């Protein structure tokens, strides 16, 4: 069920001023929840929940990429240290 939001602005305590308001913002992109294309104007304050959810998702992806990179670097460092130890052993023995 799709609900239609009202046009009441709690900041000015009047109907929304629309394009006359500096906070009336156009957002273009893709809704990460539904995959639907978003291309509409709305109050910046009303966009905040959607943008916060998107930001959280991007932070999770970034964290996962950093963790993956870290794990790969640890594996590479262990292999390099093992190679250096083997080389040193061959020199000594």
PDB file of N, CA and C in Angstrom:
ATOM      1  N   UNK A   1       0.849  -1.175   0.000  1.00  0.00           N
ATOM      2  CA  UNK A   1       0.000   0.000   0.000  1.00  0.00           C
ATOM      3  C   UNK A   1       0.893   1.236   0.000  1.00  0.00           C
ATOM      4  N   UNK A   2       0.669   2.125  -0.913  1.00  0.00           N
ATOM      5  CA  UNK A   2       1.425   3.374  -1.031  1.00  0.00           C
ATOM      6  C   UNK A   2       0.635   4.498  -0.377  1.00  0.00           C
ATOM      7  N   UNK A   3       1.245   5.152   0.602  1.00  0.00           N
ATOM      8  CA  UNK A   3       0.588   6.268   1.270  1.00  0.00           C
ATOM      9  C   UNK A   3       1.077   7.573   0.671  1.00  0.00           C
ATOM     10  N   UNK A   4       0.189   8.523   0.541  1.00  0.00           N
ATOM     11  CA  UNK A   4       0.535   9.844   0.018  1.00  0.00           C
ATOM     12  C   UNK A   4       0.791  10.768   1.199  1.00  0.00           C
ATOM     13  N   UNK A   5       1.975  11.372   1.235  1.00  0.00           N
ATOM     14  CA  UNK A   5       2.308  12.306   2.311  1.00  0.00           C
ATOM     15  C   UNK A   5       1.542  13.603   2.145  1.00  0.00           C
ATOM     16  N   UNK A   6       1.395  14.303   3.220  1.00  0.00           N
ATOM     17  CA  UNK A   6       0.709  15.591   3.176  1.00  0.00           C
ATOM     18  C   UNK A   6       1.630  16.698   2.708  1.00  0.00           C
ATOM     19  N   UNK A   7       1.076  17.886   2.538  1.00  0.00           N
ATOM     20  CA  UNK A   7       1.843  19.043   2.087  1.00  0.00           C
ATOM     21  C   UNK A   7       2.069  20.043   3.215  1.00  0.00           C
ATOM     22  N   UNK A   8       1.801  19.639   4.458  1.00  0.00           N
ATOM     23  CA  UNK A   8       1.953  20.538   5.588  1.00  0.00           C
ATOM     24  C   UNK A   8       3.430  20.613   5.991  1.00  0.00           C
ATOM     25  N   UNK A   9       3.961  21.827   6.110  1.00  0.00           N
ATOM     26  CA  UNK A   9       5.343  22.031   6.523  1.00  0.00           C
ATOM     27  C   UNK A   9       5.361  22.437   7.993  1.00  0.00           C
ATOM     28  N   UNK A  10       5.936  21.603   8.853  1.00  0.00           N
ATOM     29  CA  UNK A  10       5.980  21.951  10.277  1.00  0.00           C
ATOM     30  C   UNK A  10       6.966  23.085  10.578  1.00  0.00           C
ATOM     31  N   UNK A  11       7.851  23.382   9.656  1.00  0.00           N
ATOM     32  CA  UNK A  11       8.828  24.448   9.895  1.00  0.00           C
ATOM     33  C   UNK A  11       8.199  25.830   9.772  1.00  0.00           C
ATOM     34  N   UNK A  12       7.354  26.015   8.750  1.00  0.00           N
ATOM     35  CA  UNK A  12       6.712  27.325   8.552  1.00  0.00           C
ATOM     36  C   UNK A  12       5.253  27.308   8.988  1.00  0.00           C
ATOM     37  N   UNK A  13       4.789  26.126   9.383  1.00  0.00           N
ATOM     38  CA  UNK A  13       3.402  25.935   9.836  1.00  0.00           C
ATOM     39  C   UNK A  13       2.387  26.409   8.797  1.00  0.00           C
ATOM     40  N   UNK A  14       2.670  26.060   7.548  1.00  0.00           N
ATOM     41  CA  UNK A  14       1.801  26.355   6.407  1.00  0.00           C
ATOM     42  C   UNK A  14       1.930  25.205   5.414  1.00  0.00           C
ATOM     43  N   UNK A  15       1.195  25.308   4.333  1.00  0.00           N
ATOM     44  CA  UNK A  15       1.373  24.357   3.241  1.00  0.00           C
ATOM     45  C   UNK A  15       2.782  24.513   2.668  1.00  0.00           C
ATOM     46  N   UNK A  16       3.301  23.424   2.137  1.00  0.00           N
ATOM     47  CA  UNK A  16       4.640  23.419   1.547  1.00  0.00           C
ATOM     48  C   UNK A  16       4.749  24.484   0.457  1.00  0.00           C
ATOM     49  N   UNK A  17       5.864  25.227   0.468  1.00  0.00           N
ATOM     50  CA  UNK A  17       6.083  26.273  -0.526  1.00  0.00           C
ATOM     51  C   UNK A  17       6.617  25.704  -1.840  1.00  0.00           C
ATOM     52  N   UNK A  18       6.949  24.433  -1.867  1.00  0.00           N
ATOM     53  CA  UNK A  18       7.419  23.790  -3.105  1.00  0.00           C
ATOM     54  C   UNK A  18       8.732  24.370  -3.586  1.00  0.00           C
ATOM     55  N   UNK A  19       8.795  24.717  -4.858  1.00  0.00           N
ATOM     56  CA  UNK A  19      10.033  25.196  -5.470  1.00  0.00           C
ATOM     57  C   UNK A  19      10.510  26.532  -4.910  1.00  0.00           C
ATOM     58  N   UNK A  20       9.661  27.243  -4.198  1.00  0.00           N
ATOM     59  CA  UNK A  20      10.078  28.505  -3.580  1.00  0.00           C
ATOM     60  C   UNK A  20      10.968  28.255  -2.363  1.00  0.00           C
ATOM     61  N   UNK A  21      10.919  27.055  -1.809  1.00  0.00           N
ATOM     62  CA  UNK A  21      11.674  26.713  -0.603  1.00  0.00           C
ATOM     63  C   UNK A  21      13.077  26.229  -0.989  1.00  0.00           C
ATOM     64  N   UNK A  22      14.076  26.722  -0.259  1.00  0.00           N
ATOM     65  CA  UNK A  22      15.462  26.316  -0.527  1.00  0.00           C
ATOM     66  C   UNK A  22      15.694  24.839  -0.203  1.00  0.00           C
ATOM     67  N   UNK A  23      14.866  24.240   0.641  1.00  0.00           N
ATOM     68  CA  UNK A  23      15.036  22.847   1.026  1.00  0.00           C
ATOM     69  C   UNK A  23      14.299  21.882   0.117  1.00  0.00           C
ATOM     70  N   UNK A  24      13.571  22.389  -0.845  1.00  0.00           N
ATOM     71  CA  UNK A  24      12.843  21.537  -1.788  1.00  0.00           C
ATOM     72  C   UNK A  24      13.867  21.031  -2.793  1.00  0.00           C
ATOM     73  N   UNK A  25      14.185  19.751  -2.733  1.00  0.00           N
ATOM     74  CA  UNK A  25      15.345  19.187  -3.422  1.00  0.00           C
ATOM     75  C   UNK A  25      14.941  18.050  -4.354  1.00  0.00           C
ATOM     76  N   UNK A  26      15.616  17.995  -5.492  1.00  0.00           N
ATOM     77  CA  UNK A  26      15.400  16.892  -6.431  1.00  0.00           C
ATOM     78  C   UNK A  26      16.432  15.803  -6.157  1.00  0.00           C
ATOM     79  N   UNK A  27      15.960  14.570  -6.035  1.00  0.00           N
ATOM     80  CA  UNK A  27      16.845  13.418  -5.855  1.00  0.00           C
ATOM     81  C   UNK A  27      16.641  12.484  -7.043  1.00  0.00           C
ATOM     82  N   UNK A  28      17.747  12.121  -7.666  1.00  0.00           N
ATOM     83  CA  UNK A  28      17.725  11.203  -8.798  1.00  0.00           C
ATOM     84  C   UNK A  28      18.630  10.027  -8.466  1.00  0.00           C
ATOM     85  N   UNK A  29      18.144   8.838  -8.718  1.00  0.00           N
ATOM     86  CA  UNK A  29      18.950   7.653  -8.448  1.00  0.00           C
ATOM     87  C   UNK A  29      18.080   6.418  -8.398  1.00  0.00           C
ATOM     88  N   UNK A  30      18.557   5.422  -7.679  1.00  0.00           N
ATOM     89  CA  UNK A  30      17.851   4.157  -7.572  1.00  0.00           C
ATOM     90  C   UNK A  30      17.576   3.866  -6.101  1.00  0.00           C
ATOM     91  N   UNK A  31      16.338   3.503  -5.797  1.00  0.00           N
ATOM     92  CA  UNK A  31      15.943   3.134  -4.443  1.00  0.00           C
ATOM     93  C   UNK A  31      16.549   1.773  -4.134  1.00  0.00           C
ATOM     94  N   UNK A  32      17.430   1.708  -3.127  1.00  0.00           N
ATOM     95  CA  UNK A  32      18.111   0.451  -2.822  1.00  0.00           C
ATOM     96  C   UNK A  32      17.164  -0.595  -2.257  1.00  0.00           C
ATOM     97  N   UNK A  33      16.049  -0.176  -1.692  1.00  0.00           N
ATOM     98  CA  UNK A  33      15.093  -1.137  -1.143  1.00  0.00           C
ATOM     99  C   UNK A  33      14.281  -1.834  -2.226  1.00  0.00           C
ATOM    100  N   UNK A  34      13.842  -1.070  -3.216  1.00  0.00           N
ATOM    101  CA  UNK A  34      12.964  -1.626  -4.245  1.00  0.00           C
ATOM    102  C   UNK A  34      13.639  -1.786  -5.602  1.00  0.00           C
ATOM    103  N   UNK A  35      14.730  -1.067  -5.829  1.00  0.00           N
ATOM    104  CA  UNK A  35      15.385  -1.086  -7.130  1.00  0.00           C
ATOM    105  C   UNK A  35      14.731  -0.146  -8.132  1.00  0.00           C
ATOM    106  N   UNK A  36      13.670   0.538  -7.713  1.00  0.00           N
ATOM    107  CA  UNK A  36      12.947   1.448  -8.607  1.00  0.00           C
ATOM    108  C   UNK A  36      13.747   2.735  -8.820  1.00  0.00           C
ATOM    109  N   UNK A  37      13.588   3.305  -9.994  1.00  0.00           N
ATOM    110  CA  UNK A  37      14.228   4.571 -10.331  1.00  0.00           C
ATOM    111  C   UNK A  37      13.549   5.691  -9.548  1.00  0.00           C
ATOM    112  N   UNK A  38      14.337   6.560  -8.917  1.00  0.00           N
ATOM    113  CA  UNK A  38      13.815   7.710  -8.181  1.00  0.00           C
ATOM    114  C   UNK A  38      14.243   8.962  -8.919  1.00  0.00           C
ATOM    115  N   UNK A  39      13.282   9.831  -9.228  1.00  0.00           N
ATOM    116  CA  UNK A  39      13.547  11.094  -9.917  1.00  0.00           C
ATOM    117  C   UNK A  39      12.419  12.050  -9.533  1.00  0.00           C
ATOM    118  N   UNK A  40      12.538  12.613  -8.329  1.00  0.00           N
ATOM    119  CA  UNK A  40      11.439  13.453  -7.852  1.00  0.00           C
ATOM    120  C   UNK A  40      11.926  14.528  -6.898  1.00  0.00           C
ATOM    121  N   UNK A  41      11.102  15.541  -6.742  1.00  0.00           N
ATOM    122  CA  UNK A  41      11.348  16.619  -5.805  1.00  0.00           C
ATOM    123  C   UNK A  41      10.624  16.326  -4.498  1.00  0.00           C
ATOM    124  N   UNK A  42      11.265  16.700  -3.398  1.00  0.00           N
ATOM    125  CA  UNK A  42      10.655  16.573  -2.086  1.00  0.00           C
ATOM    126  C   UNK A  42      11.488  17.409  -1.123  1.00  0.00           C
ATOM    127  N   UNK A  43      10.936  17.675   0.039  1.00  0.00           N
ATOM    128  CA  UNK A  43      11.649  18.429   1.067  1.00  0.00           C
ATOM    129  C   UNK A  43      12.900  17.654   1.501  1.00  0.00           C
ATOM    130  N   UNK A  44      14.000  18.368   1.684  1.00  0.00           N
ATOM    131  CA  UNK A  44      15.248  17.732   2.112  1.00  0.00           C
ATOM    132  C   UNK A  44      15.076  17.020   3.449  1.00  0.00           C
ATOM    133  N   UNK A  45      14.250  17.571   4.316  1.00  0.00           N
ATOM    134  CA  UNK A  45      14.013  16.931   5.617  1.00  0.00           C
ATOM    135  C   UNK A  45      13.302  15.598   5.414  1.00  0.00           C
ATOM    136  N   UNK A  46      12.413  15.527   4.444  1.00  0.00           N
ATOM    137  CA  UNK A  46      11.707  14.280   4.159  1.00  0.00           C
ATOM    138  C   UNK A  46      12.628  13.251   3.502  1.00  0.00           C
ATOM    139  N   UNK A  47      13.670  13.712   2.794  1.00  0.00           N
ATOM    140  CA  UNK A  47      14.618  12.790   2.156  1.00  0.00           C
ATOM    141  C   UNK A  47      15.573  12.164   3.166  1.00  0.00           C
ATOM    142  N   UNK A  48      15.743  12.773   4.332  1.00  0.00           N
ATOM    143  CA  UNK A  48      16.750  12.303   5.289  1.00  0.00           C
ATOM    144  C   UNK A  48      16.674  10.815   5.630  1.00  0.00           C
ATOM    145  N   UNK A  49      15.519  10.256   5.974  1.00  0.00           N
ATOM    146  CA  UNK A  49      15.510   8.820   6.305  1.00  0.00           C
ATOM    147  C   UNK A  49      16.011   7.935   5.166  1.00  0.00           C
ATOM    148  N   UNK A  50      15.576   8.214   3.948  1.00  0.00           N
ATOM    149  CA  UNK A  50      16.014   7.425   2.798  1.00  0.00           C
ATOM    150  C   UNK A  50      17.520   7.556   2.591  1.00  0.00           C
ATOM    151  N   UNK A  51      18.027   8.773   2.700  1.00  0.00           N
ATOM    152  CA  UNK A  51      19.454   8.994   2.486  1.00  0.00           C
ATOM    153  C   UNK A  51      20.296   8.401   3.613  1.00  0.00           C
ATOM    154  N   UNK A  52      19.788   8.405   4.830  1.00  0.00           N
ATOM    155  CA  UNK A  52      20.506   7.781   5.941  1.00  0.00           C
ATOM    156  C   UNK A  52      20.595   6.265   5.758  1.00  0.00           C
ATOM    157  N   UNK A  53      19.527   5.668   5.276  1.00  0.00           N
ATOM    158  CA  UNK A  53      19.539   4.224   4.999  1.00  0.00           C
ATOM    159  C   UNK A  53      20.545   3.905   3.899  1.00  0.00           C
ATOM    160  N   UNK A  54      20.553   4.712   2.856  1.00  0.00           N
ATOM    161  CA  UNK A  54      21.500   4.518   1.757  1.00  0.00           C
ATOM    162  C   UNK A  54      22.937   4.673   2.257  1.00  0.00           C
ATOM    163  N   UNK A  55      23.173   5.679   3.072  1.00  0.00           N
ATOM    164  CA  UNK A  55      24.506   5.915   3.613  1.00  0.00           C
ATOM    165  C   UNK A  55      24.967   4.740   4.466  1.00  0.00           C
ATOM    166  N   UNK A  56      24.079   4.199   5.274  1.00  0.00           N
ATOM    167  CA  UNK A  56      24.428   3.039   6.105  1.00  0.00           C
ATOM    168  C   UNK A  56      24.807   1.841   5.241  1.00  0.00           C
ATOM    169  N   UNK A  57      24.063   1.625   4.171  1.00  0.00           N
ATOM    170  CA  UNK A  57      24.378   0.524   3.253  1.00  0.00           C
ATOM    171  C   UNK A  57      25.742   0.697   2.606  1.00  0.00           C
ATOM    172  N   UNK A  58      26.050   1.923   2.210  1.00  0.00           N
ATOM    173  CA  UNK A  58      27.347   2.189   1.592  1.00  0.00           C
ATOM    174  C   UNK A  58      28.478   1.988   2.596  1.00  0.00           C
ATOM    175  N   UNK A  59      28.256   2.376   3.846  1.00  0.00           N
ATOM    176  CA  UNK A  59      29.272   2.169   4.878  1.00  0.00           C
ATOM    177  C   UNK A  59      29.511   0.686   5.127  1.00  0.00           C
ATOM    178  N   UNK A  60      28.435  -0.112   5.113  1.00  0.00           N
ATOM    179  CA  UNK A  60      28.609  -1.558   5.290  1.00  0.00           C
ATOM    180  C   UNK A  60      29.427  -2.138   4.145  1.00  0.00           C
ATOM    181  N   UNK A  61      29.149  -1.715   2.921  1.00  0.00           N
ATOM    182  CA  UNK A  61      29.906  -2.216   1.771  1.00  0.00           C
ATOM    183  C   UNK A  61      31.371  -1.809   1.856  1.00  0.00           C
ATOM    184  N   UNK A  62      31.615  -0.578   2.271  1.00  0.00           N
ATOM    185  CA  UNK A  62      32.989  -0.101   2.409  1.00  0.00           C
ATOM    186  C   UNK A  62      33.724  -0.891   3.475  1.00  0.00           C
ATOM    187  N   UNK A  63      33.071  -1.126   4.606  1.00  0.00           N
ATOM    188  CA  UNK A  63      33.682  -1.918   5.677  1.00  0.00           C
ATOM    189  C   UNK A  63      34.023  -3.318   5.220  1.00  0.00           C
ATOM    190  N   UNK A  64      33.129  -3.931   4.457  1.00  0.00           N
ATOM    191  CA  UNK A  64      33.384  -5.286   3.953  1.00  0.00           C
ATOM    192  C   UNK A  64      34.561  -5.291   2.979  1.00  0.00           C
ATOM    193  N   UNK A  65      34.650  -4.266   2.128  1.00  0.00           N
ATOM    194  CA  UNK A  65      35.758  -4.195   1.175  1.00  0.00           C
ATOM    195  C   UNK A  65      37.090  -3.996   1.902  1.00  0.00           C
ATOM    196  N   UNK A  66      37.088  -3.165   2.930  1.00  0.00           N
ATOM    197  CA  UNK A  66      38.315  -2.928   3.694  1.00  0.00           C
ATOM    198  C   UNK A  66      38.741  -4.202   4.419  1.00  0.00           C
ATOM    199  N   UNK A  67      37.775  -4.909   4.994  1.00  0.00           N
ATOM    200  CA  UNK A  67      38.098  -6.157   5.691  1.00  0.00           C
ATOM    201  C   UNK A  67      38.665  -7.194   4.723  1.00  0.00           C
ATOM    202  N   UNK A  68      38.089  -7.284   3.536  1.00  0.00           N
ATOM    203  CA  UNK A  68      38.583  -8.211   2.528  1.00  0.00           C
ATOM    204  C   UNK A  68      40.016  -7.849   2.109  1.00  0.00           C
ATOM    205  N   UNK A  69      40.246  -6.547   1.909  1.00  0.00           N
ATOM    206  CA  UNK A  69      41.590  -6.083   1.535  1.00  0.00           C
ATOM    207  C   UNK A  69      42.588  -6.402   2.647  1.00  0.00           C
ATOM    208  N   UNK A  70      42.198  -6.159   3.901  1.00  0.00           N
ATOM    209  CA  UNK A  70      43.058  -6.443   5.043  1.00  0.00           C
ATOM    210  C   UNK A  70      43.410  -7.922   5.089  1.00  0.00           C
ATOM    211  N   UNK A  71      42.421  -8.776   4.924  1.00  0.00           N
ATOM    212  CA  UNK A  71      42.671 -10.224   4.966  1.00  0.00           C
ATOM    213  C   UNK A  71      43.634 -10.648   3.865  1.00  0.00           C
ATOM    214  N   UNK A  72      43.479 -10.072   2.696  1.00  0.00           N
ATOM    215  CA  UNK A  72      44.377 -10.407   1.588  1.00  0.00           C
ATOM    216  C   UNK A  72      45.803  -9.935   1.887  1.00  0.00           C
ATOM    217  N   UNK A  73      45.931  -8.760   2.479  1.00  0.00           N
ATOM    218  CA  UNK A  73      47.257  -8.248   2.814  1.00  0.00           C
ATOM    219  C   UNK A  73      47.904  -9.106   3.905  1.00  0.00           C
ATOM    220  N   UNK A  74      47.140  -9.575   4.868  1.00  0.00           N
ATOM    221  CA  UNK A  74      47.687 -10.450   5.909  1.00  0.00           C
ATOM    222  C   UNK A  74      48.191 -11.743   5.279  1.00  0.00           C
ATOM    223  N   UNK A  75      47.407 -12.335   4.369  1.00  0.00           N
ATOM    224  CA  UNK A  75      47.840 -13.565   3.689  1.00  0.00           C
ATOM    225  C   UNK A  75      49.132 -13.338   2.905  1.00  0.00           C
ATOM    226  N   UNK A  76      49.207 -12.214   2.200  1.00  0.00           N
ATOM    227  CA  UNK A  76      50.391 -11.898   1.408  1.00  0.00           C
ATOM    228  C   UNK A  76      51.601 -11.687   2.304  1.00  0.00           C
ATOM    229  N   UNK A  77      51.416 -10.990   3.419  1.00  0.00           N
ATOM    230  CA  UNK A  77      52.528 -10.755   4.340  1.00  0.00           C
ATOM    231  C   UNK A  77      53.026 -12.057   4.956  1.00  0.00           C
ATOM    232  N   UNK A  78      52.123 -12.939   5.329  1.00  0.00           N
ATOM    233  CA  UNK A  78      52.523 -14.235   5.889  1.00  0.00           C
ATOM    234  C   UNK A  78      53.324 -15.025   4.852  1.00  0.00           C
ATOM    235  N   UNK A  79      52.854 -15.017   3.607  1.00  0.00           N
ATOM    236  CA  UNK A  79      53.578 -15.740   2.552  1.00  0.00           C
ATOM    237  C   UNK A  79      54.959 -15.133   2.315  1.00  0.00           C
ATOM    238  N   UNK A  80      55.066 -13.807   2.351  1.00  0.00           N
ATOM    239  CA  UNK A  80      56.351 -13.140   2.156  1.00  0.00           C
ATOM    240  C   UNK A  80      57.309 -13.464   3.298  1.00  0.00           C
ATOM    241  N   UNK A  81      56.800 -13.410   4.523  1.00  0.00           N
ATOM    242  CA  UNK A  81      57.649 -13.744   5.669  1.00  0.00           C
ATOM    243  C   UNK A  81      58.119 -15.192   5.611  1.00  0.00           C
ATOM    244  N   UNK A  82      57.261 -16.092   5.185  1.00  0.00           N
ATOM    245  CA  UNK A  82      57.642 -17.503   5.063  1.00  0.00           C
ATOM    246  C   UNK A  82      58.716 -17.677   3.996  1.00  0.00           C
ATOM    247  N   UNK A  83      58.555 -16.975   2.881  1.00  0.00           N
ATOM    248  CA  UNK A  83      59.550 -17.037   1.810  1.00  0.00           C
ATOM    249  C   UNK A  83      60.893 -16.502   2.294  1.00  0.00           C
ATOM    250  N   UNK A  84      60.883 -15.411   3.053  1.00  0.00           N
ATOM    251  CA  UNK A  84      62.128 -14.830   3.581  1.00  0.00           C
ATOM    252  C   UNK A  84      62.769 -15.796   4.589  1.00  0.00           C
ATOM    253  N   UNK A  85      61.952 -16.449   5.423  1.00  0.00           N
ATOM    254  CA  UNK A  85      62.499 -17.408   6.398  1.00  0.00           C
ATOM    255  C   UNK A  85      63.089 -18.606   5.677  1.00  0.00           C
ATOM    256  N   UNK A  86      62.422 -19.098   4.638  1.00  0.00           N
ATOM    257  CA  UNK A  86      62.957 -20.217   3.874  1.00  0.00           C
ATOM    258  C   UNK A  86      64.263 -19.864   3.198  1.00  0.00           C
ATOM    259  N   UNK A  87      64.349 -18.650   2.659  1.00  0.00           N
ATOM    260  CA  UNK A  87      65.571 -18.195   1.998  1.00  0.00           C
ATOM    261  C   UNK A  87      66.712 -18.109   3.000  1.00  0.00           C
ATOM    262  N   UNK A  88      66.434 -17.582   4.169  1.00  0.00           N
ATOM    263  CA  UNK A  88      67.449 -17.477   5.231  1.00  0.00           C
ATOM    264  C   UNK A  88      67.913 -18.848   5.684  1.00  0.00           C
ATOM    265  N   UNK A  89      66.980 -19.795   5.789  1.00  0.00           N
ATOM    266  CA  UNK A  89      67.324 -21.173   6.180  1.00  0.00           C
ATOM    267  C   UNK A  89      68.263 -21.807   5.161  1.00  0.00           C
ATOM    268  N   UNK A  90      67.993 -21.557   3.876  1.00  0.00           N
ATOM    269  CA  UNK A  90      68.855 -22.119   2.819  1.00  0.00           C
ATOM    270  C   UNK A  90      70.259 -21.531   2.880  1.00  0.00           C
ATOM    271  N   UNK A  91      70.356 -20.240   3.236  1.00  0.00           N
ATOM    272  CA  UNK A  91      71.668 -19.605   3.348  1.00  0.00           C
ATOM    273  C   UNK A  91      72.464 -20.207   4.499  1.00  0.00           C
ATOM    274  N   UNK A  92      71.777 -20.465   5.629  1.00  0.00           N
ATOM    275  CA  UNK A  92      72.453 -20.979   6.809  1.00  0.00           C
ATOM    276  C   UNK A  92      72.758 -22.472   6.716  1.00  0.00           C
ATOM    277  N   UNK A  93      71.913 -23.184   6.030  1.00  0.00           N
ATOM    278  CA  UNK A  93      72.046 -24.637   6.085  1.00  0.00           C
ATOM    279  C   UNK A  93      72.543 -25.250   4.865  1.00  0.00           C
TER     280      UNK A  93
END
